Amino acid sequence: MMAMLTGFWVTQIVRAAAAFNVADHLAAGVDTAEAIAVEESIDPGATRRLIRACASLGLVTSADGVRLSGTSLLSTLLRDDPNSLRGMVLAQAAPGHWLTWGCFPDAVRSGTSQMEAAHGTPGTIFDYLAAHPDEASHFTEAMSNLSAAAAIEIAKLVDTRGVNYALDVGGANGEVLRAMMRANPDLRGGVFDLPHVVPDAAAAARKDGLQERLSAVGGDFFESVPPSDLYVLKYILHDWDDQNCVRILTNCRAALQEGGRLVVIDYLVGEFGDPGLPTMMDMNMLVMTGGKERDIAEFDALFAATGLRRTTVGQAGQFAVIETVGI
């Protein structure tokens, strides 16, 4: 129980290790606490104490208590690793998430997001991030790295042969769509997201040499979506309550081409008491967005309400890949 009660200490220790680039410094040979303190212009005594705490958490080792080495666990915080969790810890432990989680009991009491209660202004976490670009950049990095880890598996699971146009709905930088395009050189498609987000998708497409096949389209999926014969909704529905999910899916169903498919990629809640992230992420969605993680029956209810029918459920890492067709 004490480990649970002090879990927030650990989160902020890891946040500091990420913010002060401990993993990158050790990888570059800056291998003492004093040297890291100089590089980061931070207090040397506090840095030694931070490193000692990191050693207790299994992030660093030392044969003599002076010269440091990073462990494989610390390597997950390397800045330029495509699978890095550095963006995740910097986003999750920053005020946007951190202060909102301080209101978690009120989220359980009311069943609603606590963004306004925590920050004093109305709006969603996405409105908050739009006004806080530093946190937004870490959040985008976190989502991109999570997507990168699963994108190759998703591209293997979802058959894109014969697809005329695939649309990554709420796709941010289009990580999954770009993986599908790399797997299928004939595939064309677009990333559909808010106007201030889609330039990231256009830049990523240029970087991958996919700009001739991938378009970036700004809009609002609560209003309408462009026509497509393959919609991909990755980590989208869990951000929203059932009513808003119905709005999103209804708009997609209305524009879905004859014979097309809609693919949902999200956590899938299993049996009562199953370990793992889905139930913890469900609590995060409650306090942060008012959304939820769902079990398969809850997904099926959304599909039935919006003219869709589930056909298959696959697994890509820790995420379910749920394919549907129109009915």
C-alpha atoms as a PDB file:
ATOM      1  CA  MET A   1       0.000   0.000   0.000  1.00  0.00           C
ATOM      2  CA  MET A   2       2.837   2.435   0.755  1.00  0.00           C
ATOM      3  CA  ALA A   3       4.157   1.904  -2.766  1.00  0.00           C
ATOM      4  CA  MET A   4       0.730   2.856  -4.098  1.00  0.00           C
ATOM      5  CA  LEU A   5       0.453   5.891  -1.834  1.00  0.00           C
ATOM      6  CA  THR A   6       3.833   7.244  -2.877  1.00  0.00           C
ATOM      7  CA  GLY A   7       3.429   6.454  -6.551  1.00  0.00           C
ATOM      8  CA  PHE A   8       3.144  10.140  -7.373  1.00  0.00           C
ATOM      9  CA  TRP A   9       6.638  10.669  -5.949  1.00  0.00           C
ATOM     10  CA  VAL A  10       7.978   8.151  -8.454  1.00  0.00           C
ATOM     11  CA  THR A  11       6.165   9.852 -11.339  1.00  0.00           C
ATOM     12  CA  GLN A  12       7.780  13.201 -10.572  1.00  0.00           C
ATOM     13  CA  ILE A  13      11.215  11.635 -10.083  1.00  0.00           C
ATOM     14  CA  VAL A  14      10.934  10.059 -13.534  1.00  0.00           C
ATOM     15  CA  ARG A  15       9.666  13.373 -14.898  1.00  0.00           C
ATOM     16  CA  ALA A  16      12.785  15.110 -13.568  1.00  0.00           C
ATOM     17  CA  ALA A  17      15.036  12.416 -15.047  1.00  0.00           C
ATOM     18  CA  ALA A  18      13.356  12.998 -18.410  1.00  0.00           C
ATOM     19  CA  ALA A  19      13.324  16.793 -18.175  1.00  0.00           C
ATOM     20  CA  PHE A  20      17.030  16.887 -17.312  1.00  0.00           C
ATOM     21  CA  ASN A  21      17.917  14.364 -20.032  1.00  0.00           C
ATOM     22  CA  VAL A  22      19.626  11.869 -17.744  1.00  0.00           C
ATOM     23  CA  ALA A  23      19.293   9.048 -20.277  1.00  0.00           C
ATOM     24  CA  ASP A  24      20.834  11.062 -23.087  1.00  0.00           C
ATOM     25  CA  HIS A  25      23.652  12.403 -20.929  1.00  0.00           C
ATOM     26  CA  LEU A  26      24.665   8.947 -19.741  1.00  0.00           C
ATOM     27  CA  ALA A  27      24.469   7.601 -23.301  1.00  0.00           C
ATOM     28  CA  ALA A  28      26.800  10.417 -24.382  1.00  0.00           C
ATOM     29  CA  GLY A  29      29.350   9.693 -21.646  1.00  0.00           C
ATOM     30  CA  VAL A  30      28.330  12.463 -19.231  1.00  0.00           C
ATOM     31  CA  ASP A  31      28.449   9.930 -16.445  1.00  0.00           C
ATOM     32  CA  THR A  32      28.506  11.684 -13.069  1.00  0.00           C
ATOM     33  CA  ALA A  33      25.803  13.568 -11.217  1.00  0.00           C
ATOM     34  CA  GLU A  34      28.060  16.613 -11.044  1.00  0.00           C
ATOM     35  CA  ALA A  35      28.618  16.622 -14.796  1.00  0.00           C
ATOM     36  CA  ILE A  36      24.892  16.294 -15.466  1.00  0.00           C
ATOM     37  CA  ALA A  37      24.250  19.202 -13.098  1.00  0.00           C
ATOM     38  CA  VAL A  38      26.702  21.344 -15.047  1.00  0.00           C
ATOM     39  CA  GLU A  39      25.170  20.404 -18.400  1.00  0.00           C
ATOM     40  CA  GLU A  40      21.650  21.190 -17.201  1.00  0.00           C
ATOM     41  CA  SER A  41      22.531  24.198 -14.979  1.00  0.00           C
ATOM     42  CA  ILE A  42      20.830  22.635 -11.958  1.00  0.00           C
ATOM     43  CA  ASP A  43      21.819  22.250  -8.319  1.00  0.00           C
ATOM     44  CA  PRO A  44      24.580  19.630  -7.930  1.00  0.00           C
ATOM     45  CA  GLY A  45      23.500  18.449  -4.495  1.00  0.00           C
ATOM     46  CA  ALA A  46      19.892  17.967  -5.574  1.00  0.00           C
ATOM     47  CA  THR A  47      21.111  16.238  -8.745  1.00  0.00           C
ATOM     48  CA  ARG A  48      23.117  13.711  -6.708  1.00  0.00           C
ATOM     49  CA  ARG A  49      20.005  12.987  -4.648  1.00  0.00           C
ATOM     50  CA  LEU A  50      17.891  12.638  -7.793  1.00  0.00           C
ATOM     51  CA  ILE A  51      20.380  10.175  -9.278  1.00  0.00           C
ATOM     52  CA  ARG A  52      20.412   8.193  -6.037  1.00  0.00           C
ATOM     53  CA  ALA A  53      16.632   7.957  -6.173  1.00  0.00           C
ATOM     54  CA  CYS A  54      16.853   6.897  -9.824  1.00  0.00           C
ATOM     55  CA  ALA A  55      19.237   4.129  -8.798  1.00  0.00           C
ATOM     56  CA  SER A  56      16.714   2.922  -6.224  1.00  0.00           C
ATOM     57  CA  LEU A  57      14.123   2.768  -9.007  1.00  0.00           C
ATOM     58  CA  GLY A  58      16.384   0.715 -11.275  1.00  0.00           C
ATOM     59  CA  LEU A  59      17.065   3.520 -13.740  1.00  0.00           C
ATOM     60  CA  VAL A  60      20.818   3.848 -13.197  1.00  0.00           C
ATOM     61  CA  THR A  61      23.629   1.727 -11.784  1.00  0.00           C
ATOM     62  CA  SER A  62      27.132   2.493 -10.524  1.00  0.00           C
ATOM     63  CA  ALA A  63      30.027   0.295  -9.513  1.00  0.00           C
ATOM     64  CA  ASP A  64      31.627   2.967  -7.348  1.00  0.00           C
ATOM     65  CA  GLY A  65      28.735   5.314  -6.549  1.00  0.00           C
ATOM     66  CA  VAL A  66      30.239   7.989  -8.812  1.00  0.00           C
ATOM     67  CA  ARG A  67      30.462   6.796 -12.420  1.00  0.00           C
ATOM     68  CA  LEU A  68      26.971   6.094 -13.688  1.00  0.00           C
ATOM     69  CA  SER A  69      25.436   3.823 -16.295  1.00  0.00           C
ATOM     70  CA  GLY A  70      21.884   3.858 -17.570  1.00  0.00           C
ATOM     71  CA  THR A  71      19.806   0.698 -17.472  1.00  0.00           C
ATOM     72  CA  SER A  72      17.509  -0.616 -20.195  1.00  0.00           C
ATOM     73  CA  LEU A  73      14.645   0.923 -18.228  1.00  0.00           C
ATOM     74  CA  LEU A  74      16.259   4.356 -18.409  1.00  0.00           C
ATOM     75  CA  SER A  75      16.762   3.922 -22.156  1.00  0.00           C
ATOM     76  CA  THR A  76      12.991   4.272 -22.599  1.00  0.00           C
ATOM     77  CA  LEU A  77      13.548   7.983 -21.868  1.00  0.00           C
ATOM     78  CA  LEU A  78      16.062   8.596 -24.670  1.00  0.00           C
ATOM     79  CA  ARG A  79      15.042  11.691 -26.585  1.00  0.00           C
ATOM     80  CA  ASP A  80      15.392  10.449 -30.179  1.00  0.00           C
ATOM     81  CA  ASP A  81      14.265   6.848 -29.799  1.00  0.00           C
ATOM     82  CA  PRO A  82      11.062   6.389 -31.874  1.00  0.00           C
ATOM     83  CA  ASN A  83       9.645   4.202 -29.094  1.00  0.00           C
ATOM     84  CA  SER A  84      10.649   6.615 -26.332  1.00  0.00           C
ATOM     85  CA  LEU A  85       8.331   7.270 -23.394  1.00  0.00           C
ATOM     86  CA  ARG A  86       9.989  10.617 -22.658  1.00  0.00           C
ATOM     87  CA  GLY A  87       7.125  12.575 -24.191  1.00  0.00           C
ATOM     88  CA  MET A  88       4.627  10.498 -22.247  1.00  0.00           C
ATOM     89  CA  VAL A  89       6.139  11.244 -18.842  1.00  0.00           C
ATOM     90  CA  LEU A  90       6.624  14.935 -19.644  1.00  0.00           C
ATOM     91  CA  ALA A  91       2.991  15.191 -20.768  1.00  0.00           C
ATOM     92  CA  GLN A  92       1.404  13.095 -18.037  1.00  0.00           C
ATOM     93  CA  ALA A  93       3.338  14.724 -15.188  1.00  0.00           C
ATOM     94  CA  ALA A  94       2.879  18.306 -16.404  1.00  0.00           C
ATOM     95  CA  PRO A  95       0.192  20.623 -14.982  1.00  0.00           C
ATOM     96  CA  GLY A  96      -2.437  19.838 -17.616  1.00  0.00           C
ATOM     97  CA  HIS A  97      -2.720  16.247 -16.458  1.00  0.00           C
ATOM     98  CA  TRP A  98      -1.131  16.473 -13.027  1.00  0.00           C
ATOM     99  CA  LEU A  99      -3.361  19.166 -11.536  1.00  0.00           C
ATOM    100  CA  THR A 100      -6.477  17.647 -13.060  1.00  0.00           C
ATOM    101  CA  TRP A 101      -5.740  14.297 -11.432  1.00  0.00           C
ATOM    102  CA  GLY A 102      -5.656  16.131  -8.105  1.00  0.00           C
ATOM    103  CA  CYS A 103      -9.426  16.482  -8.548  1.00  0.00           C
ATOM    104  CA  PHE A 104      -9.973  12.777  -9.231  1.00  0.00           C
ATOM    105  CA  PRO A 105     -12.387  12.131  -6.315  1.00  0.00           C
ATOM    106  CA  ASP A 106     -14.625  14.872  -7.714  1.00  0.00           C
ATOM    107  CA  ALA A 107     -14.583  13.113 -11.086  1.00  0.00           C
ATOM    108  CA  VAL A 108     -15.889   9.967  -9.399  1.00  0.00           C
ATOM    109  CA  ARG A 109     -18.453  12.005  -7.458  1.00  0.00           C
ATOM    110  CA  SER A 110     -19.785  13.782 -10.532  1.00  0.00           C
ATOM    111  CA  GLY A 111     -18.905  11.422 -13.371  1.00  0.00           C
ATOM    112  CA  THR A 112     -17.410  14.322 -15.318  1.00  0.00           C
ATOM    113  CA  SER A 113     -14.026  15.639 -16.410  1.00  0.00           C
ATOM    114  CA  GLN A 114     -12.275  17.937 -13.957  1.00  0.00           C
ATOM    115  CA  MET A 115     -10.357  20.107 -16.438  1.00  0.00           C
ATOM    116  CA  GLU A 116     -12.358  23.231 -15.635  1.00  0.00           C
ATOM    117  CA  ALA A 117     -12.214  22.628 -11.881  1.00  0.00           C
ATOM    118  CA  ALA A 118      -8.434  22.184 -11.994  1.00  0.00           C
ATOM    119  CA  HIS A 119      -7.547  25.036 -14.329  1.00  0.00           C
ATOM    120  CA  GLY A 120     -10.328  27.570 -13.906  1.00  0.00           C
ATOM    121  CA  THR A 121     -11.293  27.774 -17.562  1.00  0.00           C
ATOM    122  CA  PRO A 122     -13.915  25.799 -19.485  1.00  0.00           C
ATOM    123  CA  GLY A 123     -12.892  23.385 -22.205  1.00  0.00           C
ATOM    124  CA  THR A 124     -11.348  19.990 -22.813  1.00  0.00           C
ATOM    125  CA  ILE A 125      -7.762  18.811 -22.459  1.00  0.00           C
ATOM    126  CA  PHE A 126      -7.441  19.551 -26.186  1.00  0.00           C
ATOM    127  CA  ASP A 127      -8.461  23.175 -25.636  1.00  0.00           C
ATOM    128  CA  TYR A 128      -5.914  23.356 -22.818  1.00  0.00           C
ATOM    129  CA  LEU A 129      -3.147  21.939 -25.008  1.00  0.00           C
ATOM    130  CA  ALA A 130      -3.955  24.391 -27.787  1.00  0.00           C
ATOM    131  CA  ALA A 131      -3.223  27.179 -25.283  1.00  0.00           C
ATOM    132  CA  HIS A 132      -0.078  25.516 -23.863  1.00  0.00           C
ATOM    133  CA  PRO A 133       2.205  24.648 -26.785  1.00  0.00           C
ATOM    134  CA  ASP A 134       5.042  23.238 -24.687  1.00  0.00           C
ATOM    135  CA  GLU A 135       2.773  20.645 -23.102  1.00  0.00           C
ATOM    136  CA  ALA A 136       1.094  20.083 -26.459  1.00  0.00           C
ATOM    137  CA  SER A 137       4.430  19.219 -28.073  1.00  0.00           C
ATOM    138  CA  HIS A 138       5.146  16.599 -25.395  1.00  0.00           C
ATOM    139  CA  PHE A 139       1.613  15.205 -25.751  1.00  0.00           C
ATOM    140  CA  THR A 140       1.979  14.973 -29.535  1.00  0.00           C
ATOM    141  CA  GLU A 141       5.337  13.260 -29.122  1.00  0.00           C
ATOM    142  CA  ALA A 142       3.797  10.798 -26.670  1.00  0.00           C
ATOM    143  CA  MET A 143       0.903   9.938 -28.990  1.00  0.00           C
ATOM    144  CA  SER A 144       3.219   9.608 -31.964  1.00  0.00           C
ATOM    145  CA  ASN A 145       5.567   7.260 -30.135  1.00  0.00           C
ATOM    146  CA  LEU A 146       2.676   5.143 -28.862  1.00  0.00           C
ATOM    147  CA  SER A 147       1.356   4.960 -32.407  1.00  0.00           C
ATOM    148  CA  ALA A 148       4.768   4.103 -33.831  1.00  0.00           C
ATOM    149  CA  ALA A 149       5.058   1.117 -31.527  1.00  0.00           C
ATOM    150  CA  ALA A 150       1.760  -0.324 -32.778  1.00  0.00           C
ATOM    151  CA  ALA A 151       1.562   1.076 -36.314  1.00  0.00           C
ATOM    152  CA  ILE A 152       3.499  -1.704 -38.034  1.00  0.00           C
ATOM    153  CA  GLU A 153       1.302  -4.360 -36.434  1.00  0.00           C
ATOM    154  CA  ILE A 154      -1.842  -2.404 -37.313  1.00  0.00           C
ATOM    155  CA  ALA A 155      -0.689  -2.121 -40.930  1.00  0.00           C
ATOM    156  CA  LYS A 156      -0.276  -5.904 -41.034  1.00  0.00           C
ATOM    157  CA  LEU A 157      -3.725  -6.527 -39.555  1.00  0.00           C
ATOM    158  CA  VAL A 158      -5.778  -4.145 -41.682  1.00  0.00           C
ATOM    159  CA  ASP A 159      -5.978  -5.276 -45.302  1.00  0.00           C
ATOM    160  CA  THR A 160      -5.715  -2.190 -47.516  1.00  0.00           C
ATOM    161  CA  ARG A 161      -5.615  -4.008 -50.871  1.00  0.00           C
ATOM    162  CA  GLY A 162      -8.223  -2.495 -53.149  1.00  0.00           C
ATOM    163  CA  VAL A 163      -8.830   0.519 -50.903  1.00  0.00           C
ATOM    164  CA  ASN A 164      -9.238   3.696 -52.949  1.00  0.00           C
ATOM    165  CA  TYR A 165      -8.856   6.210 -50.152  1.00  0.00           C
ATOM    166  CA  ALA A 166      -8.150   5.690 -46.432  1.00  0.00           C
ATOM    167  CA  LEU A 167      -8.882   8.442 -43.919  1.00  0.00           C
ATOM    168  CA  ASP A 168      -7.105   8.632 -40.549  1.00  0.00           C
ATOM    169  CA  VAL A 169      -9.774  10.398 -38.470  1.00  0.00           C
ATOM    170  CA  GLY A 170      -8.274  12.515 -35.695  1.00  0.00           C
ATOM    171  CA  GLY A 171      -4.962  11.139 -36.894  1.00  0.00           C
ATOM    172  CA  ALA A 172      -2.596  13.893 -35.654  1.00  0.00           C
ATOM    173  CA  ASN A 173       0.618  13.283 -37.623  1.00  0.00           C
ATOM    174  CA  GLY A 174      -0.796  10.230 -39.406  1.00  0.00           C
ATOM    175  CA  GLU A 175       1.543   7.643 -37.930  1.00  0.00           C
ATOM    176  CA  VAL A 176      -0.763   4.683 -38.612  1.00  0.00           C
ATOM    177  CA  LEU A 177      -1.822   5.828 -42.078  1.00  0.00           C
ATOM    178  CA  ARG A 178       1.827   6.341 -43.049  1.00  0.00           C
ATOM    179  CA  ALA A 179       2.623   2.809 -41.857  1.00  0.00           C
ATOM    180  CA  MET A 180      -0.229   1.508 -44.011  1.00  0.00           C
ATOM    181  CA  MET A 181       1.128   3.438 -46.985  1.00  0.00           C
ATOM    182  CA  ARG A 182       4.618   2.036 -46.465  1.00  0.00           C
ATOM    183  CA  ALA A 183       3.094  -1.454 -46.411  1.00  0.00           C
ATOM    184  CA  ASN A 184       0.964  -0.782 -49.505  1.00  0.00           C
ATOM    185  CA  PRO A 185       2.643   1.486 -52.082  1.00  0.00           C
ATOM    186  CA  ASP A 186      -0.661   1.838 -53.990  1.00  0.00           C
ATOM    187  CA  LEU A 187      -2.631   3.224 -51.046  1.00  0.00           C
ATOM    188  CA  ARG A 188      -3.761   6.840 -51.063  1.00  0.00           C
ATOM    189  CA  GLY A 189      -5.350   8.603 -48.134  1.00  0.00           C
ATOM    190  CA  GLY A 190      -5.623  11.558 -45.843  1.00  0.00           C
ATOM    191  CA  VAL A 191      -5.261  12.653 -42.249  1.00  0.00           C
ATOM    192  CA  PHE A 192      -8.314  14.485 -40.940  1.00  0.00           C
ATOM    193  CA  ASP A 193      -7.834  16.550 -37.790  1.00  0.00           C
ATOM    194  CA  LEU A 194      -8.283  20.038 -36.404  1.00  0.00           C
ATOM    195  CA  PRO A 195      -6.823  22.779 -38.622  1.00  0.00           C
ATOM    196  CA  HIS A 196      -4.019  23.633 -36.195  1.00  0.00           C
ATOM    197  CA  VAL A 197      -2.971  19.951 -36.043  1.00  0.00           C
ATOM    198  CA  VAL A 198      -2.851  18.853 -39.680  1.00  0.00           C
ATOM    199  CA  PRO A 199       0.366  20.717 -40.596  1.00  0.00           C
ATOM    200  CA  ASP A 200       2.149  18.058 -38.489  1.00  0.00           C
ATOM    201  CA  ALA A 201       0.712  15.363 -40.775  1.00  0.00           C
ATOM    202  CA  ALA A 202       1.790  17.231 -43.897  1.00  0.00           C
ATOM    203  CA  ALA A 203       5.316  17.624 -42.522  1.00  0.00           C
ATOM    204  CA  ALA A 204       5.512  13.946 -41.555  1.00  0.00           C
ATOM    205  CA  ALA A 205       4.312  12.925 -45.023  1.00  0.00           C
ATOM    206  CA  ARG A 206       7.022  15.035 -46.656  1.00  0.00           C
ATOM    207  CA  LYS A 207       9.646  13.538 -44.362  1.00  0.00           C
ATOM    208  CA  ASP A 208       8.552  10.021 -45.383  1.00  0.00           C
ATOM    209  CA  GLY A 209       8.297  10.937 -49.062  1.00  0.00           C
ATOM    210  CA  LEU A 210       4.546  10.280 -49.040  1.00  0.00           C
ATOM    211  CA  GLN A 211       3.316  13.774 -49.863  1.00  0.00           C
ATOM    212  CA  GLU A 212       2.025  12.706 -53.290  1.00  0.00           C
ATOM    213  CA  ARG A 213      -0.245  10.073 -51.739  1.00  0.00           C
ATOM    214  CA  LEU A 214      -1.176  11.601 -48.369  1.00  0.00           C
ATOM    215  CA  SER A 215      -3.251  14.745 -47.960  1.00  0.00           C
ATOM    216  CA  ALA A 216      -3.812  16.685 -44.731  1.00  0.00           C
ATOM    217  CA  VAL A 217      -7.398  17.842 -44.267  1.00  0.00           C
ATOM    218  CA  GLY A 218      -8.536  20.236 -41.544  1.00  0.00           C
ATOM    219  CA  GLY A 219     -12.005  19.987 -40.041  1.00  0.00           C
ATOM    220  CA  ASP A 220     -14.157  18.846 -37.128  1.00  0.00           C
ATOM    221  CA  PHE A 221     -15.366  15.241 -36.947  1.00  0.00           C
ATOM    222  CA  PHE A 222     -18.361  16.369 -34.893  1.00  0.00           C
ATOM    223  CA  GLU A 223     -19.568  18.269 -37.964  1.00  0.00           C
ATOM    224  CA  SER A 224     -18.685  15.966 -40.877  1.00  0.00           C
ATOM    225  CA  VAL A 225     -15.884  13.886 -42.364  1.00  0.00           C
ATOM    226  CA  PRO A 226     -14.732  13.546 -45.984  1.00  0.00           C
ATOM    227  CA  PRO A 227     -15.894  10.439 -47.894  1.00  0.00           C
ATOM    228  CA  SER A 228     -13.695   7.360 -47.671  1.00  0.00           C
ATOM    229  CA  ASP A 229     -13.853   3.611 -48.101  1.00  0.00           C
ATOM    230  CA  LEU A 230     -11.623   2.986 -45.080  1.00  0.00           C
ATOM    231  CA  TYR A 231     -11.860   5.029 -41.891  1.00  0.00           C
ATOM    232  CA  VAL A 232      -9.273   4.557 -39.144  1.00  0.00           C
ATOM    233  CA  LEU A 233     -10.085   5.925 -35.669  1.00  0.00           C
ATOM    234  CA  LYS A 234      -7.020   5.432 -33.511  1.00  0.00           C
ATOM    235  CA  TYR A 235      -7.322   6.352 -29.809  1.00  0.00           C
ATOM    236  CA  ILE A 236     -10.300   8.571 -30.653  1.00  0.00           C
ATOM    237  CA  LEU A 237     -13.454   7.061 -29.173  1.00  0.00           C
ATOM    238  CA  HIS A 238     -11.982   6.667 -25.698  1.00  0.00           C
ATOM    239  CA  ASP A 239     -11.718  10.467 -25.461  1.00  0.00           C
ATOM    240  CA  TRP A 240     -15.490  10.868 -25.593  1.00  0.00           C
ATOM    241  CA  ASP A 241     -18.684   9.800 -23.853  1.00  0.00           C
ATOM    242  CA  ASP A 242     -21.196   7.592 -25.648  1.00  0.00           C
ATOM    243  CA  GLN A 243     -23.257  10.490 -26.983  1.00  0.00           C
ATOM    244  CA  ASN A 244     -20.261  12.127 -28.649  1.00  0.00           C
ATOM    245  CA  CYS A 245     -18.990   8.783 -29.946  1.00  0.00           C
ATOM    246  CA  VAL A 246     -22.350   8.269 -31.633  1.00  0.00           C
ATOM    247  CA  ARG A 247     -21.971  11.681 -33.307  1.00  0.00           C
ATOM    248  CA  ILE A 248     -18.505  10.785 -34.617  1.00  0.00           C
ATOM    249  CA  LEU A 249     -19.489   7.337 -35.841  1.00  0.00           C
ATOM    250  CA  THR A 250     -22.725   8.594 -37.384  1.00  0.00           C
ATOM    251  CA  ASN A 251     -20.783  11.133 -39.442  1.00  0.00           C
ATOM    252  CA  CYS A 252     -18.352   8.454 -40.562  1.00  0.00           C
ATOM    253  CA  ARG A 253     -21.161   6.041 -41.451  1.00  0.00           C
ATOM    254  CA  ALA A 254     -22.933   8.735 -43.481  1.00  0.00           C
ATOM    255  CA  ALA A 255     -19.817   9.325 -45.598  1.00  0.00           C
ATOM    256  CA  LEU A 256     -18.634   5.691 -45.765  1.00  0.00           C
ATOM    257  CA  GLN A 257     -18.422   4.484 -49.358  1.00  0.00           C
ATOM    258  CA  GLU A 258     -20.368   1.412 -50.446  1.00  0.00           C
ATOM    259  CA  GLY A 259     -18.553  -1.718 -49.286  1.00  0.00           C
ATOM    260  CA  GLY A 260     -16.213   0.296 -47.078  1.00  0.00           C
ATOM    261  CA  ARG A 261     -14.919  -0.392 -43.576  1.00  0.00           C
ATOM    262  CA  LEU A 262     -14.380   1.517 -40.353  1.00  0.00           C
ATOM    263  CA  VAL A 263     -11.583   0.455 -38.011  1.00  0.00           C
ATOM    264  CA  VAL A 264     -11.443   1.421 -34.336  1.00  0.00           C
ATOM    265  CA  ILE A 265      -8.126   1.116 -32.486  1.00  0.00           C
ATOM    266  CA  ASP A 266      -8.385   1.464 -28.723  1.00  0.00           C
ATOM    267  CA  TYR A 267      -7.778  -0.281 -25.446  1.00  0.00           C
ATOM    268  CA  LEU A 268     -10.270  -3.082 -24.809  1.00  0.00           C
ATOM    269  CA  VAL A 269     -11.446  -3.667 -21.244  1.00  0.00           C
ATOM    270  CA  GLY A 270     -11.373  -7.361 -20.394  1.00  0.00           C
ATOM    271  CA  GLU A 271     -12.800  -9.392 -17.551  1.00  0.00           C
ATOM    272  CA  PHE A 272     -13.327  -7.940 -14.092  1.00  0.00           C
ATOM    273  CA  GLY A 273      -9.996  -7.873 -12.250  1.00  0.00           C
ATOM    274  CA  ASP A 274      -7.821  -8.299 -15.340  1.00  0.00           C
ATOM    275  CA  PRO A 275      -4.468  -6.527 -14.808  1.00  0.00           C
ATOM    276  CA  GLY A 276      -3.059  -4.049 -17.280  1.00  0.00           C
ATOM    277  CA  LEU A 277      -3.511  -0.539 -18.582  1.00  0.00           C
ATOM    278  CA  PRO A 278      -7.115  -0.499 -19.889  1.00  0.00           C
ATOM    279  CA  THR A 279      -8.797  -0.001 -16.515  1.00  0.00           C
ATOM    280  CA  MET A 280      -6.182   2.527 -15.413  1.00  0.00           C
ATOM    281  CA  MET A 281      -6.558   4.427 -18.679  1.00  0.00           C
ATOM    282  CA  ASP A 282     -10.302   4.349 -18.102  1.00  0.00           C
ATOM    283  CA  MET A 283      -9.748   6.378 -14.924  1.00  0.00           C
ATOM    284  CA  ASN A 284      -7.539   8.794 -16.857  1.00  0.00           C
ATOM    285  CA  MET A 285     -10.295   9.279 -19.414  1.00  0.00           C
ATOM    286  CA  LEU A 286     -12.837   9.899 -16.649  1.00  0.00           C
ATOM    287  CA  VAL A 287     -10.917  12.719 -15.014  1.00  0.00           C
ATOM    288  CA  MET A 288      -9.316  14.202 -18.123  1.00  0.00           C
ATOM    289  CA  THR A 289     -11.964  13.997 -20.849  1.00  0.00           C
ATOM    290  CA  GLY A 290     -15.200  12.527 -19.555  1.00  0.00           C
ATOM    291  CA  GLY A 291     -14.575   9.649 -21.974  1.00  0.00           C
ATOM    292  CA  LYS A 292     -14.058   5.996 -21.153  1.00  0.00           C
ATOM    293  CA  GLU A 293     -12.392   2.742 -22.121  1.00  0.00           C
ATOM    294  CA  ARG A 294     -14.908   0.131 -23.259  1.00  0.00           C
ATOM    295  CA  ASP A 295     -15.436  -3.605 -23.344  1.00  0.00           C
ATOM    296  CA  ILE A 296     -16.517  -5.304 -26.550  1.00  0.00           C
ATOM    297  CA  ALA A 297     -20.220  -5.189 -25.658  1.00  0.00           C
ATOM    298  CA  GLU A 298     -20.018  -1.411 -25.186  1.00  0.00           C
ATOM    299  CA  PHE A 299     -18.323  -1.030 -28.574  1.00  0.00           C
ATOM    300  CA  ASP A 300     -20.975  -3.209 -30.180  1.00  0.00           C
ATOM    301  CA  ALA A 301     -23.692  -0.986 -28.706  1.00  0.00           C
ATOM    302  CA  LEU A 302     -22.063   2.082 -30.291  1.00  0.00           C
ATOM    303  CA  PHE A 303     -21.800   0.305 -33.621  1.00  0.00           C
ATOM    304  CA  ALA A 304     -25.427  -0.857 -33.534  1.00  0.00           C
ATOM    305  CA  ALA A 305     -26.570   2.700 -32.786  1.00  0.00           C
ATOM    306  CA  THR A 306     -24.727   4.081 -35.810  1.00  0.00           C
ATOM    307  CA  GLY A 307     -25.401   1.574 -38.576  1.00  0.00           C
ATOM    308  CA  LEU A 308     -22.223  -0.455 -38.196  1.00  0.00           C
ATOM    309  CA  ARG A 309     -21.498  -4.121 -37.484  1.00  0.00           C
ATOM    310  CA  ARG A 310     -18.314  -5.577 -35.998  1.00  0.00           C
ATOM    311  CA  THR A 311     -16.599  -8.160 -38.202  1.00  0.00           C
ATOM    312  CA  THR A 312     -13.209  -8.869 -36.580  1.00  0.00           C
ATOM    313  CA  VAL A 313     -11.144  -8.044 -33.499  1.00  0.00           C
ATOM    314  CA  GLY A 314      -7.360  -8.191 -33.746  1.00  0.00           C
ATOM    315  CA  GLN A 315      -4.549  -7.235 -31.408  1.00  0.00           C
ATOM    316  CA  ALA A 316      -1.672  -4.841 -32.035  1.00  0.00           C
ATOM    317  CA  GLY A 317       0.475  -4.700 -28.932  1.00  0.00           C
ATOM    318  CA  GLN A 318      -1.783  -3.581 -26.104  1.00  0.00           C
ATOM    319  CA  PHE A 319      -4.474  -2.218 -28.425  1.00  0.00           C
ATOM    320  CA  ALA A 320      -7.513  -3.868 -29.981  1.00  0.00           C
ATOM    321  CA  VAL A 321      -8.071  -3.406 -33.714  1.00  0.00           C
ATOM    322  CA  ILE A 322     -11.818  -3.647 -34.304  1.00  0.00           C
ATOM    323  CA  GLU A 323     -13.077  -3.752 -37.888  1.00  0.00           C
ATOM    324  CA  THR A 324     -16.673  -2.885 -38.793  1.00  0.00           C
ATOM    325  CA  VAL A 325     -18.781  -2.604 -41.919  1.00  0.00           C
ATOM    326  CA  GLY A 326     -21.951  -0.694 -42.661  1.00  0.00           C
ATOM    327  CA  ILE A 327     -25.364  -2.337 -42.310  1.00  0.00           C
END
